[in-house]
Amino acid sequence: MAIIYLDNAASTWPKPPGVKEKMAEVIEDFAANPGRGGHALAMKASKTVFRTRVQLSRLFGIQNPNNLFFYLNATQALNQAIKGFLKEGDHVISSSVEHNSVRRPLEYMSKTKQVEVTYVEPRGDQLFHREDFVQAIRPNTRLVAISHASNLTGVILPVAELGEMAKQHGITFLVDASQTAGVLPIHVEEMKIDMLAFPGHKGLYGPQGTGGLYVHGDIDLEPLIHGGTGSQSEAIEQPTTRPDRYESGTVNTVGLAGLLEGVSYVMEKGVEDIGQHEWELVKKTIVGLGKVAGVTVYGPGSETKRVGVVSFNIQGVDASEVSFILDQQYGIATRAGYHCTPLGHQTAGTEQTGAVRASYGIFNTEKDVEILIEAVSEIAAAFR
């Protein structure tokens, strides 16, 4: 049975062919340690890492590639941004659809540094509005930290508007682009984003174990990890130069070579075209599942654009059971449960049930959607 993969919000699959080939090339030809030697192989590895940094900077409108730091995933990047920036007594504004990669570091800082956190909720239209964030600002508000889009409902937050708001009030702006990097246009300068965290293994079509954090040159974070950087090795203190200050230890050269290919593929296809492709599949899914008796679809309707995520439940059937049946009987890979976003489930009203999530990528087709809708229809009918 051929697999229909609808779990792209967790990790995109398949990857563009060049990703695997470039990773194998590094392993076979020059898997030396980048930045740790002056010999030819080390230099070739260093150039691969730098090219990836440059390509990502082009994608995100970053003026200085050295302000982009590599991590194993967006979670590590977000921890560096949040814990390295906030100080005791600061106030943070976030949203009620945050992934635990944002919420848990914020809650940790709340307990250990007395940081105050306000989670702004959507209005009745299930969308977030700038005015509600403005009203949450306090004299000690130092950071706005939000997801660009929900990993549960796909709702898109007004990042450009919030960036302008933060700029006007002198507040630092952190964006988690885990569901939008490679899917929605992101330009850190135009959108007034001070810090941007992203994974490499989702919409950028790179391998797992890759990700990064952009930090504006005027912002200094306290590094979470100290150690060897390949530079200023004679000093006992962590280097101040970027990106070395935030990249202690050996980076994932093999993975970054694959990420370079993934990002290049995305830029060739066009971010807007990829986003539109996913949106068309989402609309078809929302409309189709909306016609199935006993099925509830969460998030805005088909008239409101969202990223490639659709979460739903079948009345009276456990979400995990639905996902299991889809996998075992229909060869459709979805994800069920709580999706690492308890805040999001509270907002959607699914904190007691969780939800089944279908999420799309560039390689999915309308036929995949049709098969999913038919499968859900059959499952719903069998349990009525």
Foldseek 3Di string as FASTA:
>chain_A
DDFAEFALLVFDPDFPPVLVVLLVCCVVPQVDFALQDDDDSNPVLVVLLVLLLVLVCVQAQNPDSLLKAKFLFLLVQLLQVLVQADAAPAEEEEALQDFCSNVVSQVVCCVPRVYHYHHFAPDPLRADDPVSVVVVDDPRHAEYEYEQAHSAAQHGHPQLSNLVVCVVVVHAYEYEDAQQRLADRHHCVNSNHQKYWYGLRHNLRFNRRIIIMGHDPVDDTQAPDDADQSPPVVDPDQDPGGPSSHHHDGGDSSRSSSSSVSNVVSVVCDNHNFNVQLLVLVLLLQVLQVPAPQKDWFDHHNVHTGGNKIWMDGPPDAQVVLQVCCCPVVSYHWDWDANSRCSSCVSRVCNPRTTIMGGDGSPDDNVSSVSVSVSVNVVNVVVD
